[in-house]
Amino acid sequence: MFNHEFILGTTHDIRSHAAAMKKNPDMKHDDGHSLTVGMLSRGELHWRFTRAGRFVYACLIPGHLERGMKGTIVVK
């Protein structure tokens, strides 16, 4: 089981993915806008923002979003 994940997207993307994670909590991710890390491990996600805006990130392991593991990145 993984400890945390970092998913970057729109508010709609995050809500939709959170619902999918509740149904499939062991879901594996293999895309450029997410990172999953296990116990006592580290990871890096490199992302180049090409436009200004507000971008949402969250940990969508079931129960983590509800505990406040989320945030917003503001690109000017």
PDB file of N, CA and C in Angstrom:
ATOM      1  N   MET A   1       0.839  -1.179   0.000  1.00  0.00           N
ATOM      2  CA  MET A   1       0.000   0.000   0.000  1.00  0.00           C
ATOM      3  C   MET A   1       0.885   1.243   0.000  1.00  0.00           C
ATOM      4  N   PHE A   2       0.453   2.266  -0.668  1.00  0.00           N
ATOM      5  CA  PHE A   2       1.203   3.509  -0.760  1.00  0.00           C
ATOM      6  C   PHE A   2       0.783   4.456   0.348  1.00  0.00           C
ATOM      7  N   ASN A   3       1.707   5.288   0.748  1.00  0.00           N
ATOM      8  CA  ASN A   3       1.402   6.260   1.789  1.00  0.00           C
ATOM      9  C   ASN A   3       0.730   7.514   1.247  1.00  0.00           C
ATOM     10  N   HIS A   4       1.266   8.056   0.154  1.00  0.00           N
ATOM     11  CA  HIS A   4       0.750   9.319  -0.370  1.00  0.00           C
ATOM     12  C   HIS A   4       0.906   9.373  -1.876  1.00  0.00           C
ATOM     13  N   GLU A   5       0.096  10.241  -2.472  1.00  0.00           N
ATOM     14  CA  GLU A   5       0.266  10.533  -3.887  1.00  0.00           C
ATOM     15  C   GLU A   5       0.048  12.022  -4.091  1.00  0.00           C
ATOM     16  N   PHE A   6       0.578  12.513  -5.174  1.00  0.00           N
ATOM     17  CA  PHE A   6       0.450  13.917  -5.554  1.00  0.00           C
ATOM     18  C   PHE A   6      -0.173  13.917  -6.939  1.00  0.00           C
ATOM     19  N   ILE A   7      -1.369  14.462  -7.044  1.00  0.00           N
ATOM     20  CA  ILE A   7      -2.067  14.558  -8.319  1.00  0.00           C
ATOM     21  C   ILE A   7      -2.268  16.036  -8.613  1.00  0.00           C
ATOM     22  N   LEU A   8      -1.915  16.463  -9.803  1.00  0.00           N
ATOM     23  CA  LEU A   8      -2.044  17.850 -10.228  1.00  0.00           C
ATOM     24  C   LEU A   8      -3.125  17.921 -11.303  1.00  0.00           C
ATOM     25  N   GLY A   9      -4.057  18.855 -11.165  1.00  0.00           N
ATOM     26  CA  GLY A   9      -5.105  18.982 -12.171  1.00  0.00           C
ATOM     27  C   GLY A   9      -6.085  20.083 -11.844  1.00  0.00           C
ATOM     28  N   THR A  10      -7.205  20.050 -12.538  1.00  0.00           N
ATOM     29  CA  THR A  10      -8.273  21.010 -12.262  1.00  0.00           C
ATOM     30  C   THR A  10      -9.093  20.510 -11.079  1.00  0.00           C
ATOM     31  N   THR A  11      -9.927  21.370 -10.538  1.00  0.00           N
ATOM     32  CA  THR A  11     -10.806  20.958  -9.442  1.00  0.00           C
ATOM     33  C   THR A  11     -11.679  19.786  -9.885  1.00  0.00           C
ATOM     34  N   HIS A  12     -12.211  19.851 -11.092  1.00  0.00           N
ATOM     35  CA  HIS A  12     -13.032  18.759 -11.624  1.00  0.00           C
ATOM     36  C   HIS A  12     -12.226  17.465 -11.715  1.00  0.00           C
ATOM     37  N   ASP A  13     -10.988  17.549 -12.228  1.00  0.00           N
ATOM     38  CA  ASP A  13     -10.127  16.357 -12.332  1.00  0.00           C
ATOM     39  C   ASP A  13      -9.907  15.722 -10.965  1.00  0.00           C
ATOM     40  N   ILE A  14      -9.610  16.549  -9.980  1.00  0.00           N
ATOM     41  CA  ILE A  14      -9.309  16.042  -8.639  1.00  0.00           C
ATOM     42  C   ILE A  14     -10.546  15.368  -8.042  1.00  0.00           C
ATOM     43  N   ARG A  15     -11.699  15.995  -8.148  1.00  0.00           N
ATOM     44  CA  ARG A  15     -12.937  15.402  -7.599  1.00  0.00           C
ATOM     45  C   ARG A  15     -13.270  14.085  -8.284  1.00  0.00           C
ATOM     46  N   SER A  16     -13.137  14.052  -9.597  1.00  0.00           N
ATOM     47  CA  SER A  16     -13.432  12.839 -10.365  1.00  0.00           C
ATOM     48  C   SER A  16     -12.468  11.716 -10.002  1.00  0.00           C
ATOM     49  N   HIS A  17     -11.198  12.047  -9.907  1.00  0.00           N
ATOM     50  CA  HIS A  17     -10.205  11.031  -9.579  1.00  0.00           C
ATOM     51  C   HIS A  17     -10.355  10.544  -8.137  1.00  0.00           C
ATOM     52  N   ALA A  18     -10.729  11.441  -7.240  1.00  0.00           N
ATOM     53  CA  ALA A  18     -10.950  11.044  -5.842  1.00  0.00           C
ATOM     54  C   ALA A  18     -12.074  10.006  -5.753  1.00  0.00           C
ATOM     55  N   ALA A  19     -13.134  10.197  -6.526  1.00  0.00           N
ATOM     56  CA  ALA A  19     -14.239   9.231  -6.536  1.00  0.00           C
ATOM     57  C   ALA A  19     -13.762   7.882  -7.080  1.00  0.00           C
ATOM     58  N   ALA A  20     -12.935   7.899  -8.124  1.00  0.00           N
ATOM     59  CA  ALA A  20     -12.400   6.656  -8.690  1.00  0.00           C
ATOM     60  C   ALA A  20     -11.478   5.953  -7.698  1.00  0.00           C
ATOM     61  N   MET A  21     -10.698   6.714  -6.950  1.00  0.00           N
ATOM     62  CA  MET A  21      -9.772   6.129  -5.967  1.00  0.00           C
ATOM     63  C   MET A  21     -10.536   5.455  -4.823  1.00  0.00           C
ATOM     64  N   LYS A  22     -11.688   5.997  -4.454  1.00  0.00           N
ATOM     65  CA  LYS A  22     -12.486   5.366  -3.395  1.00  0.00           C
ATOM     66  C   LYS A  22     -12.952   3.987  -3.830  1.00  0.00           C
ATOM     67  N   LYS A  23     -13.256   3.826  -5.114  1.00  0.00           N
ATOM     68  CA  LYS A  23     -13.696   2.535  -5.649  1.00  0.00           C
ATOM     69  C   LYS A  23     -12.531   1.579  -5.881  1.00  0.00           C
ATOM     70  N   ASN A  24     -11.349   2.125  -6.137  1.00  0.00           N
ATOM     71  CA  ASN A  24     -10.176   1.321  -6.451  1.00  0.00           C
ATOM     72  C   ASN A  24      -8.956   1.911  -5.730  1.00  0.00           C
ATOM     73  N   PRO A  25      -8.842   1.731  -4.416  1.00  0.00           N
ATOM     74  CA  PRO A  25      -7.788   2.394  -3.639  1.00  0.00           C
ATOM     75  C   PRO A  25      -6.366   1.958  -3.988  1.00  0.00           C
ATOM     76  N   ASP A  26      -6.194   0.835  -4.646  1.00  0.00           N
ATOM     77  CA  ASP A  26      -4.856   0.378  -5.041  1.00  0.00           C
ATOM     78  C   ASP A  26      -4.511   0.752  -6.473  1.00  0.00           C
ATOM     79  N   MET A  27      -5.238   1.705  -7.033  1.00  0.00           N
ATOM     80  CA  MET A  27      -5.027   2.142  -8.411  1.00  0.00           C
ATOM     81  C   MET A  27      -3.582   2.590  -8.608  1.00  0.00           C
ATOM     82  N   LYS A  28      -2.956   2.144  -9.679  1.00  0.00           N
ATOM     83  CA  LYS A  28      -1.598   2.553 -10.028  1.00  0.00           C
ATOM     84  C   LYS A  28      -1.676   3.696 -11.038  1.00  0.00           C
ATOM     85  N   HIS A  29      -0.748   4.631 -10.954  1.00  0.00           N
ATOM     86  CA  HIS A  29      -0.723   5.779 -11.855  1.00  0.00           C
ATOM     87  C   HIS A  29       0.558   5.752 -12.679  1.00  0.00           C
ATOM     88  N   ASP A  30       0.416   6.095 -13.927  1.00  0.00           N
ATOM     89  CA  ASP A  30       1.578   6.148 -14.811  1.00  0.00           C
ATOM     90  C   ASP A  30       1.365   7.293 -15.793  1.00  0.00           C
ATOM     91  N   ASP A  31       1.432   8.514 -15.272  1.00  0.00           N
ATOM     92  CA  ASP A  31       1.251   9.670 -16.121  1.00  0.00           C
ATOM     93  C   ASP A  31       2.114  10.811 -15.607  1.00  0.00           C
ATOM     94  N   GLY A  32       2.202  11.866 -16.373  1.00  0.00           N
ATOM     95  CA  GLY A  32       3.106  12.961 -16.042  1.00  0.00           C
ATOM     96  C   GLY A  32       2.643  13.912 -14.977  1.00  0.00           C
ATOM     97  N   HIS A  33       1.377  13.845 -14.568  1.00  0.00           N
ATOM     98  CA  HIS A  33       0.861  14.822 -13.602  1.00  0.00           C
ATOM     99  C   HIS A  33       0.580  14.205 -12.232  1.00  0.00           C
ATOM    100  N   SER A  34       1.172  13.043 -11.969  1.00  0.00           N
ATOM    101  CA  SER A  34       0.958  12.422 -10.657  1.00  0.00           C
ATOM    102  C   SER A  34       2.222  11.717 -10.190  1.00  0.00           C
ATOM    103  N   LEU A  35       2.288  11.518  -8.896  1.00  0.00           N
ATOM    104  CA  LEU A  35       3.423  10.852  -8.275  1.00  0.00           C
ATOM    105  C   LEU A  35       2.899  10.089  -7.067  1.00  0.00           C
ATOM    106  N   THR A  36       3.292   8.842  -6.944  1.00  0.00           N
ATOM    107  CA  THR A  36       2.906   8.033  -5.796  1.00  0.00           C
ATOM    108  C   THR A  36       4.171   7.595  -5.086  1.00  0.00           C
ATOM    109  N   VAL A  37       4.190   7.729  -3.767  1.00  0.00           N
ATOM    110  CA  VAL A  37       5.368   7.345  -2.991  1.00  0.00           C
ATOM    111  C   VAL A  37       4.968   6.409  -1.859  1.00  0.00           C
ATOM    112  N   GLY A  38       5.859   5.497  -1.550  1.00  0.00           N
ATOM    113  CA  GLY A  38       5.630   4.544  -0.475  1.00  0.00           C
ATOM    114  C   GLY A  38       6.226   5.032   0.831  1.00  0.00           C
ATOM    115  N   MET A  39       6.112   4.188   1.830  1.00  0.00           N
ATOM    116  CA  MET A  39       6.579   4.520   3.164  1.00  0.00           C
ATOM    117  C   MET A  39       8.077   4.858   3.154  1.00  0.00           C
ATOM    118  N   LEU A  40       8.421   5.971   3.756  1.00  0.00           N
ATOM    119  CA  LEU A  40       9.798   6.437   3.917  1.00  0.00           C
ATOM    120  C   LEU A  40      10.523   6.650   2.600  1.00  0.00           C
ATOM    121  N   SER A  41       9.786   6.883   1.508  1.00  0.00           N
ATOM    122  CA  SER A  41      10.439   7.132   0.224  1.00  0.00           C
ATOM    123  C   SER A  41      10.188   8.562  -0.223  1.00  0.00           C
ATOM    124  N   ARG A  42      10.923   8.966  -1.246  1.00  0.00           N
ATOM    125  CA  ARG A  42      10.801  10.307  -1.807  1.00  0.00           C
ATOM    126  C   ARG A  42      10.546  10.188  -3.297  1.00  0.00           C
ATOM    127  N   GLY A  43      10.115  11.267  -3.873  1.00  0.00           N
ATOM    128  CA  GLY A  43       9.919  11.296  -5.312  1.00  0.00           C
ATOM    129  C   GLY A  43       9.957  12.724  -5.808  1.00  0.00           C
ATOM    130  N   GLU A  44      10.068  12.862  -7.109  1.00  0.00           N
ATOM    131  CA  GLU A  44      10.068  14.185  -7.730  1.00  0.00           C
ATOM    132  C   GLU A  44       9.120  14.174  -8.904  1.00  0.00           C
ATOM    133  N   LEU A  45       8.458  15.286  -9.070  1.00  0.00           N
ATOM    134  CA  LEU A  45       7.585  15.494 -10.213  1.00  0.00           C
ATOM    135  C   LEU A  45       8.006  16.816 -10.836  1.00  0.00           C
ATOM    136  N   HIS A  46       8.400  16.773 -12.067  1.00  0.00           N
ATOM    137  CA  HIS A  46       8.809  17.991 -12.774  1.00  0.00           C
ATOM    138  C   HIS A  46       7.690  18.390 -13.721  1.00  0.00           C
ATOM    139  N   TRP A  47       7.226  19.617 -13.575  1.00  0.00           N
ATOM    140  CA  TRP A  47       6.116  20.096 -14.389  1.00  0.00           C
ATOM    141  C   TRP A  47       6.418  21.509 -14.839  1.00  0.00           C
ATOM    142  N   ARG A  48       6.227  21.764 -16.103  1.00  0.00           N
ATOM    143  CA  ARG A  48       6.418  23.121 -16.621  1.00  0.00           C
ATOM    144  C   ARG A  48       5.046  23.718 -16.902  1.00  0.00           C
ATOM    145  N   PHE A  49       4.725  24.766 -16.185  1.00  0.00           N
ATOM    146  CA  PHE A  49       3.464  25.464 -16.399  1.00  0.00           C
ATOM    147  C   PHE A  49       3.626  26.364 -17.619  1.00  0.00           C
ATOM    148  N   THR A  50       2.710  26.251 -18.547  1.00  0.00           N
ATOM    149  CA  THR A  50       2.805  27.019 -19.796  1.00  0.00           C
ATOM    150  C   THR A  50       1.774  28.143 -19.873  1.00  0.00           C
ATOM    151  N   ARG A  51       0.990  28.283 -18.806  1.00  0.00           N
ATOM    152  CA  ARG A  51       0.017  29.367 -18.763  1.00  0.00           C
ATOM    153  C   ARG A  51      -0.244  29.754 -17.320  1.00  0.00           C
ATOM    154  N   ALA A  52      -0.726  30.958 -17.159  1.00  0.00           N
ATOM    155  CA  ALA A  52      -1.090  31.431 -15.822  1.00  0.00           C
ATOM    156  C   ALA A  52      -2.403  30.774 -15.397  1.00  0.00           C
ATOM    157  N   GLY A  53      -2.614  30.707 -14.101  1.00  0.00           N
ATOM    158  CA  GLY A  53      -3.866  30.161 -13.593  1.00  0.00           C
ATOM    159  C   GLY A  53      -3.715  29.554 -12.222  1.00  0.00           C
ATOM    160  N   ARG A  54      -4.796  28.973 -11.753  1.00  0.00           N
ATOM    161  CA  ARG A  54      -4.834  28.290 -10.456  1.00  0.00           C
ATOM    162  C   ARG A  54      -4.897  26.798 -10.739  1.00  0.00           C
ATOM    163  N   PHE A  55      -4.009  26.060 -10.139  1.00  0.00           N
ATOM    164  CA  PHE A  55      -3.927  24.625 -10.344  1.00  0.00           C
ATOM    165  C   PHE A  55      -4.037  23.939  -8.989  1.00  0.00           C
ATOM    166  N   VAL A  56      -4.756  22.855  -8.954  1.00  0.00           N
ATOM    167  CA  VAL A  56      -5.053  22.153  -7.710  1.00  0.00           C
ATOM    168  C   VAL A  56      -4.203  20.890  -7.632  1.00  0.00           C
ATOM    169  N   TYR A  57      -3.752  20.566  -6.426  1.00  0.00           N
ATOM    170  CA  TYR A  57      -3.082  19.285  -6.200  1.00  0.00           C
ATOM    171  C   TYR A  57      -3.660  18.661  -4.934  1.00  0.00           C
ATOM    172  N   ALA A  58      -3.559  17.342  -4.854  1.00  0.00           N
ATOM    173  CA  ALA A  58      -4.107  16.651  -3.686  1.00  0.00           C
ATOM    174  C   ALA A  58      -3.522  15.255  -3.580  1.00  0.00           C
ATOM    175  N   CYS A  59      -3.592  14.705  -2.388  1.00  0.00           N
ATOM    176  CA  CYS A  59      -3.324  13.292  -2.157  1.00  0.00           C
ATOM    177  C   CYS A  59      -4.685  12.606  -2.170  1.00  0.00           C
ATOM    178  N   LEU A  60      -4.863  11.676  -3.106  1.00  0.00           N
ATOM    179  CA  LEU A  60      -6.178  11.058  -3.265  1.00  0.00           C
ATOM    180  C   LEU A  60      -6.248   9.633  -2.741  1.00  0.00           C
ATOM    181  N   ILE A  61      -5.285   9.233  -1.925  1.00  0.00           N
ATOM    182  CA  ILE A  61      -5.413   7.970  -1.211  1.00  0.00           C
ATOM    183  C   ILE A  61      -6.679   8.124  -0.363  1.00  0.00           C
ATOM    184  N   PRO A  62      -7.597   7.147  -0.374  1.00  0.00           N
ATOM    185  CA  PRO A  62      -8.857   7.320   0.353  1.00  0.00           C
ATOM    186  C   PRO A  62      -8.658   7.815   1.794  1.00  0.00           C
ATOM    187  N   GLY A  63      -9.370   8.896   2.104  1.00  0.00           N
ATOM    188  CA  GLY A  63      -9.314   9.509   3.428  1.00  0.00           C
ATOM    189  C   GLY A  63      -8.334  10.664   3.541  1.00  0.00           C
ATOM    190  N   HIS A  64      -7.350  10.743   2.655  1.00  0.00           N
ATOM    191  CA  HIS A  64      -6.322  11.781   2.774  1.00  0.00           C
ATOM    192  C   HIS A  64      -6.837  13.154   2.357  1.00  0.00           C
ATOM    193  N   LEU A  65      -7.581  13.231   1.261  1.00  0.00           N
ATOM    194  CA  LEU A  65      -8.141  14.511   0.827  1.00  0.00           C
ATOM    195  C   LEU A  65      -9.047  15.071   1.918  1.00  0.00           C
ATOM    196  N   GLU A  66      -9.837  14.202   2.525  1.00  0.00           N
ATOM    197  CA  GLU A  66     -10.753  14.619   3.585  1.00  0.00           C
ATOM    198  C   GLU A  66     -10.003  15.134   4.820  1.00  0.00           C
ATOM    199  N   ARG A  67      -8.761  14.715   4.979  1.00  0.00           N
ATOM    200  CA  ARG A  67      -7.931  15.190   6.099  1.00  0.00           C
ATOM    201  C   ARG A  67      -7.154  16.456   5.750  1.00  0.00           C
ATOM    202  N   GLY A  68      -7.430  17.010   4.571  1.00  0.00           N
ATOM    203  CA  GLY A  68      -6.832  18.296   4.211  1.00  0.00           C
ATOM    204  C   GLY A  68      -5.563  18.224   3.391  1.00  0.00           C
ATOM    205  N   MET A  69      -5.233  17.073   2.830  1.00  0.00           N
ATOM    206  CA  MET A  69      -4.009  16.950   2.027  1.00  0.00           C
ATOM    207  C   MET A  69      -4.283  17.422   0.614  1.00  0.00           C
ATOM    208  N   LYS A  70      -4.288  18.745   0.453  1.00  0.00           N
ATOM    209  CA  LYS A  70      -4.585  19.381  -0.822  1.00  0.00           C
ATOM    210  C   LYS A  70      -4.028  20.788  -0.800  1.00  0.00           C
ATOM    211  N   GLY A  71      -3.986  21.393  -1.969  1.00  0.00           N
ATOM    212  CA  GLY A  71      -3.507  22.764  -2.035  1.00  0.00           C
ATOM    213  C   GLY A  71      -3.721  23.337  -3.422  1.00  0.00           C
ATOM    214  N   THR A  72      -3.322  24.586  -3.580  1.00  0.00           N
ATOM    215  CA  THR A  72      -3.467  25.293  -4.843  1.00  0.00           C
ATOM    216  C   THR A  72      -2.128  25.926  -5.201  1.00  0.00           C
ATOM    217  N   ILE A  73      -1.779  25.842  -6.463  1.00  0.00           N
ATOM    218  CA  ILE A  73      -0.592  26.512  -6.998  1.00  0.00           C
ATOM    219  C   ILE A  73      -1.107  27.647  -7.868  1.00  0.00           C
ATOM    220  N   VAL A  74      -0.620  28.854  -7.646  1.00  0.00           N
ATOM    221  CA  VAL A  74      -1.011  30.006  -8.445  1.00  0.00           C
ATOM    222  C   VAL A  74       0.166  30.392  -9.333  1.00  0.00           C
ATOM    223  N   VAL A  75      -0.065  30.350 -10.644  1.00  0.00           N
ATOM    224  CA  VAL A  75       0.966  30.711 -11.622  1.00  0.00           C
ATOM    225  C   VAL A  75       0.568  32.047 -12.233  1.00  0.00           C
ATOM    226  N   LYS A  76       1.471  32.997 -12.156  1.00  0.00           N
ATOM    227  CA  LYS A  76       1.176  34.345 -12.684  1.00  0.00           C
ATOM    228  C   LYS A  76       1.880  34.567 -13.996  1.00  0.00           C
TER     229      LYS A  76
END
